[in-house]
Amino acid sequence: MVIEVVTFRLAPGFDESEFIDADNRAQTEVVYHHRGLVRRTTARADGGGWLVVTMWGSTADADASAEACRDDPASASWTALLDPSSVTSARYETLD
């Protein structure tokens, strides 16, 4: 299994409610339909930081989802709300 972690801040001018709506759309309309998805969750930290954790069955599943999201309008709307300079992404393979 692969755990994908994305951290970010919202872009200036966008509020939390806009992001939550876009995140819900991206999750239910896009990511939940991709092969290999185990779980996805979004969390907010005090001070404006955000985190999305997605668990995939394999690296190939995570790669296929990333490729499919590039051309998806709901994913593009989600990405447009992020401050690009704050985005970090990492993948981890589980040991169990």
N, C-alpha and C. Protein backbone atom coordinates (compact mmCIF):
# COMPACT_ATOMS: atom_id res chain seq x y z
N MET A 1 0.84 -1.17 0.00
CA MET A 1 0.00 0.00 0.00
C MET A 1 0.89 1.24 0.00
N VAL A 2 0.40 2.30 -0.62
CA VAL A 2 1.13 3.57 -0.71
C VAL A 2 0.31 4.67 -0.04
N ILE A 3 0.97 5.45 0.80
CA ILE A 3 0.33 6.59 1.44
C ILE A 3 0.90 7.85 0.79
N GLU A 4 0.00 8.66 0.27
CA GLU A 4 0.40 9.92 -0.38
C GLU A 4 -0.01 11.07 0.54
N VAL A 5 0.93 11.96 0.82
CA VAL A 5 0.69 13.08 1.73
C VAL A 5 0.96 14.38 0.97
N VAL A 6 -0.03 15.26 0.96
CA VAL A 6 0.12 16.57 0.33
C VAL A 6 -0.18 17.63 1.39
N THR A 7 0.75 18.57 1.57
CA THR A 7 0.53 19.69 2.49
C THR A 7 0.53 20.98 1.69
N PHE A 8 -0.21 21.97 2.18
CA PHE A 8 -0.33 23.23 1.44
C PHE A 8 -1.04 24.27 2.29
N ARG A 9 -1.05 25.49 1.76
CA ARG A 9 -1.87 26.59 2.27
C ARG A 9 -2.78 27.02 1.13
N LEU A 10 -3.86 27.67 1.48
CA LEU A 10 -4.75 28.19 0.45
C LEU A 10 -4.14 29.42 -0.19
N ALA A 11 -4.43 29.60 -1.47
CA ALA A 11 -3.95 30.78 -2.19
C ALA A 11 -4.64 32.03 -1.63
N PRO A 12 -3.96 33.16 -1.66
CA PRO A 12 -4.57 34.41 -1.19
C PRO A 12 -5.87 34.69 -1.96
N GLY A 13 -6.85 35.20 -1.23
CA GLY A 13 -8.11 35.58 -1.85
C GLY A 13 -9.17 34.49 -1.82
N PHE A 14 -8.81 33.27 -1.43
CA PHE A 14 -9.79 32.19 -1.36
C PHE A 14 -10.08 31.88 0.09
N ASP A 15 -11.33 31.57 0.36
CA ASP A 15 -11.65 31.26 1.75
C ASP A 15 -11.86 29.76 1.94
N GLU A 16 -11.93 29.40 3.20
CA GLU A 16 -12.02 28.00 3.58
C GLU A 16 -13.25 27.31 3.00
N SER A 17 -14.37 27.98 2.98
CA SER A 17 -15.59 27.34 2.47
C SER A 17 -15.48 27.01 0.98
N GLU A 18 -14.82 27.89 0.20
CA GLU A 18 -14.59 27.59 -1.22
C GLU A 18 -13.74 26.34 -1.36
N PHE A 19 -12.69 26.25 -0.53
CA PHE A 19 -11.81 25.10 -0.61
C PHE A 19 -12.54 23.82 -0.22
N ILE A 20 -13.30 23.86 0.86
CA ILE A 20 -14.01 22.66 1.32
C ILE A 20 -14.98 22.17 0.25
N ASP A 21 -15.69 23.08 -0.41
CA ASP A 21 -16.58 22.69 -1.50
C ASP A 21 -15.80 22.03 -2.64
N ALA A 22 -14.69 22.65 -3.04
CA ALA A 22 -13.88 22.10 -4.13
C ALA A 22 -13.26 20.76 -3.73
N ASP A 23 -12.84 20.64 -2.48
CA ASP A 23 -12.26 19.39 -2.00
C ASP A 23 -13.30 18.27 -2.01
N ASN A 24 -14.50 18.57 -1.57
CA ASN A 24 -15.57 17.56 -1.59
C ASN A 24 -15.88 17.12 -3.02
N ARG A 25 -15.92 18.06 -3.95
CA ARG A 25 -16.16 17.71 -5.36
C ARG A 25 -15.04 16.85 -5.90
N ALA A 26 -13.81 17.24 -5.67
CA ALA A 26 -12.67 16.46 -6.18
C ALA A 26 -12.68 15.05 -5.59
N GLN A 27 -13.01 14.96 -4.33
CA GLN A 27 -13.00 13.66 -3.67
C GLN A 27 -14.13 12.76 -4.19
N THR A 28 -15.35 13.27 -4.20
CA THR A 28 -16.49 12.41 -4.55
C THR A 28 -16.67 12.23 -6.06
N GLU A 29 -16.36 13.25 -6.84
CA GLU A 29 -16.57 13.16 -8.28
C GLU A 29 -15.38 12.58 -9.04
N VAL A 30 -14.20 12.63 -8.41
CA VAL A 30 -13.00 12.21 -9.14
C VAL A 30 -12.27 11.09 -8.42
N VAL A 31 -11.64 11.40 -7.32
CA VAL A 31 -10.73 10.46 -6.67
C VAL A 31 -11.43 9.17 -6.26
N TYR A 32 -12.64 9.27 -5.74
CA TYR A 32 -13.35 8.06 -5.30
C TYR A 32 -13.64 7.09 -6.45
N HIS A 33 -13.50 7.53 -7.68
CA HIS A 33 -13.75 6.67 -8.83
C HIS A 33 -12.47 6.05 -9.40
N HIS A 34 -11.33 6.34 -8.81
CA HIS A 34 -10.07 5.82 -9.32
C HIS A 34 -9.74 4.48 -8.70
N ARG A 35 -9.23 3.62 -9.56
CA ARG A 35 -8.85 2.27 -9.15
C ARG A 35 -7.78 2.32 -8.06
N GLY A 36 -7.92 1.46 -7.08
CA GLY A 36 -6.90 1.32 -6.05
C GLY A 36 -7.03 2.25 -4.87
N LEU A 37 -8.03 3.15 -4.88
CA LEU A 37 -8.19 4.05 -3.74
C LEU A 37 -8.62 3.25 -2.51
N VAL A 38 -7.92 3.46 -1.42
CA VAL A 38 -8.27 2.83 -0.16
C VAL A 38 -8.99 3.85 0.73
N ARG A 39 -8.41 5.02 0.85
CA ARG A 39 -8.99 6.07 1.72
C ARG A 39 -8.36 7.41 1.37
N ARG A 40 -9.14 8.49 1.51
CA ARG A 40 -8.63 9.85 1.34
C ARG A 40 -9.27 10.71 2.42
N THR A 41 -8.47 11.55 3.05
CA THR A 41 -9.00 12.46 4.06
C THR A 41 -8.26 13.79 4.01
N THR A 42 -8.97 14.83 4.35
CA THR A 42 -8.41 16.19 4.36
C THR A 42 -8.47 16.71 5.79
N ALA A 43 -7.41 17.41 6.21
CA ALA A 43 -7.35 17.95 7.57
C ALA A 43 -6.81 19.37 7.53
N ARG A 44 -7.20 20.13 8.54
CA ARG A 44 -6.78 21.53 8.66
C ARG A 44 -6.01 21.71 9.97
N ALA A 45 -4.94 22.46 9.92
CA ALA A 45 -4.15 22.76 11.12
C ALA A 45 -4.46 24.18 11.59
N ASP A 46 -4.22 24.42 12.85
CA ASP A 46 -4.27 25.79 13.34
C ASP A 46 -3.22 26.60 12.57
N GLY A 47 -3.52 27.80 12.21
CA GLY A 47 -2.54 28.63 11.52
C GLY A 47 -2.63 28.58 10.01
N GLY A 48 -3.59 27.85 9.45
CA GLY A 48 -3.81 27.90 8.00
C GLY A 48 -3.22 26.79 7.16
N GLY A 49 -2.55 25.84 7.76
CA GLY A 49 -2.01 24.73 6.99
C GLY A 49 -3.07 23.67 6.72
N TRP A 50 -2.91 22.96 5.61
CA TRP A 50 -3.83 21.89 5.22
C TRP A 50 -3.03 20.65 4.88
N LEU A 51 -3.71 19.50 4.96
CA LEU A 51 -3.09 18.20 4.69
C LEU A 51 -4.13 17.31 4.02
N VAL A 52 -3.72 16.63 2.96
CA VAL A 52 -4.55 15.60 2.36
C VAL A 52 -3.74 14.31 2.38
N VAL A 53 -4.33 13.27 2.95
CA VAL A 53 -3.70 11.95 3.00
C VAL A 53 -4.54 11.00 2.17
N THR A 54 -3.90 10.35 1.20
CA THR A 54 -4.60 9.40 0.35
C THR A 54 -3.85 8.08 0.39
N MET A 55 -4.59 7.01 0.60
CA MET A 55 -3.99 5.68 0.63
C MET A 55 -4.40 4.95 -0.65
N TRP A 56 -3.39 4.40 -1.33
CA TRP A 56 -3.58 3.69 -2.59
C TRP A 56 -3.14 2.24 -2.44
N GLY A 57 -3.71 1.38 -3.25
CA GLY A 57 -3.32 -0.03 -3.25
C GLY A 57 -1.90 -0.23 -3.74
N SER A 58 -1.45 0.63 -4.65
CA SER A 58 -0.10 0.48 -5.22
C SER A 58 0.38 1.81 -5.78
N THR A 59 1.66 1.89 -6.07
CA THR A 59 2.23 3.07 -6.71
C THR A 59 1.60 3.27 -8.09
N ALA A 60 1.36 2.18 -8.81
CA ALA A 60 0.73 2.29 -10.13
C ALA A 60 -0.65 2.93 -10.03
N ASP A 61 -1.41 2.59 -9.00
CA ASP A 61 -2.73 3.20 -8.80
C ASP A 61 -2.59 4.70 -8.54
N ALA A 62 -1.65 5.09 -7.68
CA ALA A 62 -1.42 6.51 -7.38
C ALA A 62 -0.99 7.26 -8.63
N ASP A 63 -0.10 6.66 -9.42
CA ASP A 63 0.35 7.30 -10.66
C ASP A 63 -0.80 7.48 -11.65
N ALA A 64 -1.63 6.45 -11.80
CA ALA A 64 -2.76 6.52 -12.73
C ALA A 64 -3.74 7.61 -12.30
N SER A 65 -3.98 7.72 -11.01
CA SER A 65 -4.88 8.76 -10.51
C SER A 65 -4.30 10.15 -10.79
N ALA A 66 -3.03 10.34 -10.51
CA ALA A 66 -2.39 11.64 -10.76
C ALA A 66 -2.51 12.03 -12.23
N GLU A 67 -2.31 11.07 -13.11
CA GLU A 67 -2.41 11.33 -14.55
C GLU A 67 -3.85 11.70 -14.93
N ALA A 68 -4.82 10.98 -14.42
CA ALA A 68 -6.23 11.25 -14.73
C ALA A 68 -6.67 12.61 -14.19
N CYS A 69 -6.14 13.01 -13.05
CA CYS A 69 -6.53 14.29 -12.44
C CYS A 69 -6.03 15.48 -13.24
N ARG A 70 -4.98 15.30 -14.01
CA ARG A 70 -4.42 16.42 -14.78
C ARG A 70 -5.43 17.03 -15.74
N ASP A 71 -6.33 16.20 -16.26
CA ASP A 71 -7.29 16.67 -17.26
C ASP A 71 -8.71 16.82 -16.71
N ASP A 72 -8.87 16.73 -15.41
CA ASP A 72 -10.20 16.76 -14.83
C ASP A 72 -10.55 18.16 -14.31
N PRO A 73 -11.71 18.71 -14.69
CA PRO A 73 -12.09 20.05 -14.25
C PRO A 73 -12.24 20.19 -12.74
N ALA A 74 -12.80 19.20 -12.06
CA ALA A 74 -12.95 19.29 -10.60
C ALA A 74 -11.59 19.30 -9.93
N SER A 75 -10.66 18.53 -10.44
CA SER A 75 -9.30 18.52 -9.88
C SER A 75 -8.61 19.86 -10.14
N ALA A 76 -8.82 20.41 -11.32
CA ALA A 76 -8.22 21.70 -11.65
C ALA A 76 -8.77 22.80 -10.75
N SER A 77 -10.06 22.76 -10.46
CA SER A 77 -10.66 23.74 -9.55
C SER A 77 -10.06 23.64 -8.16
N TRP A 78 -9.82 22.41 -7.71
CA TRP A 78 -9.21 22.17 -6.40
C TRP A 78 -7.79 22.75 -6.38
N THR A 79 -7.01 22.42 -7.38
CA THR A 79 -5.62 22.87 -7.45
C THR A 79 -5.51 24.39 -7.52
N ALA A 80 -6.45 25.03 -8.20
CA ALA A 80 -6.42 26.49 -8.35
C ALA A 80 -6.55 27.22 -7.02
N LEU A 81 -7.05 26.55 -5.99
CA LEU A 81 -7.23 27.18 -4.69
C LEU A 81 -6.00 27.07 -3.80
N LEU A 82 -4.98 26.35 -4.25
CA LEU A 82 -3.78 26.15 -3.46
C LEU A 82 -2.72 27.20 -3.78
N ASP A 83 -1.96 27.60 -2.78
CA ASP A 83 -0.80 28.46 -2.97
C ASP A 83 0.32 27.56 -3.49
N PRO A 84 0.69 27.67 -4.76
CA PRO A 84 1.67 26.75 -5.34
C PRO A 84 3.01 26.74 -4.61
N SER A 85 3.39 27.86 -4.02
CA SER A 85 4.68 27.91 -3.33
C SER A 85 4.67 27.13 -2.02
N SER A 86 3.49 26.75 -1.56
CA SER A 86 3.39 26.04 -0.28
C SER A 86 3.18 24.54 -0.41
N VAL A 87 2.97 24.07 -1.62
CA VAL A 87 2.60 22.66 -1.82
C VAL A 87 3.82 21.74 -1.70
N THR A 88 3.67 20.72 -0.87
CA THR A 88 4.65 19.64 -0.80
C THR A 88 3.90 18.32 -0.95
N SER A 89 4.55 17.36 -1.55
CA SER A 89 3.93 16.06 -1.77
C SER A 89 4.97 14.97 -1.57
N ALA A 90 4.54 13.89 -0.93
CA ALA A 90 5.45 12.76 -0.71
C ALA A 90 4.62 11.48 -0.71
N ARG A 91 5.27 10.40 -1.08
CA ARG A 91 4.65 9.07 -1.02
C ARG A 91 5.49 8.16 -0.13
N TYR A 92 4.77 7.31 0.57
CA TYR A 92 5.41 6.36 1.49
C TYR A 92 4.82 4.98 1.25
N GLU A 93 5.65 3.96 1.21
CA GLU A 93 5.16 2.60 1.11
C GLU A 93 5.04 2.02 2.50
N THR A 94 3.89 1.40 2.76
CA THR A 94 3.68 0.81 4.09
C THR A 94 4.58 -0.41 4.25
N LEU A 95 4.89 -0.73 5.47
CA LEU A 95 5.80 -1.83 5.77
C LEU A 95 5.06 -3.11 6.20
N ASP A 96 3.76 -3.01 6.37
CA ASP A 96 3.03 -4.20 6.82
C ASP A 96 2.31 -4.88 5.69
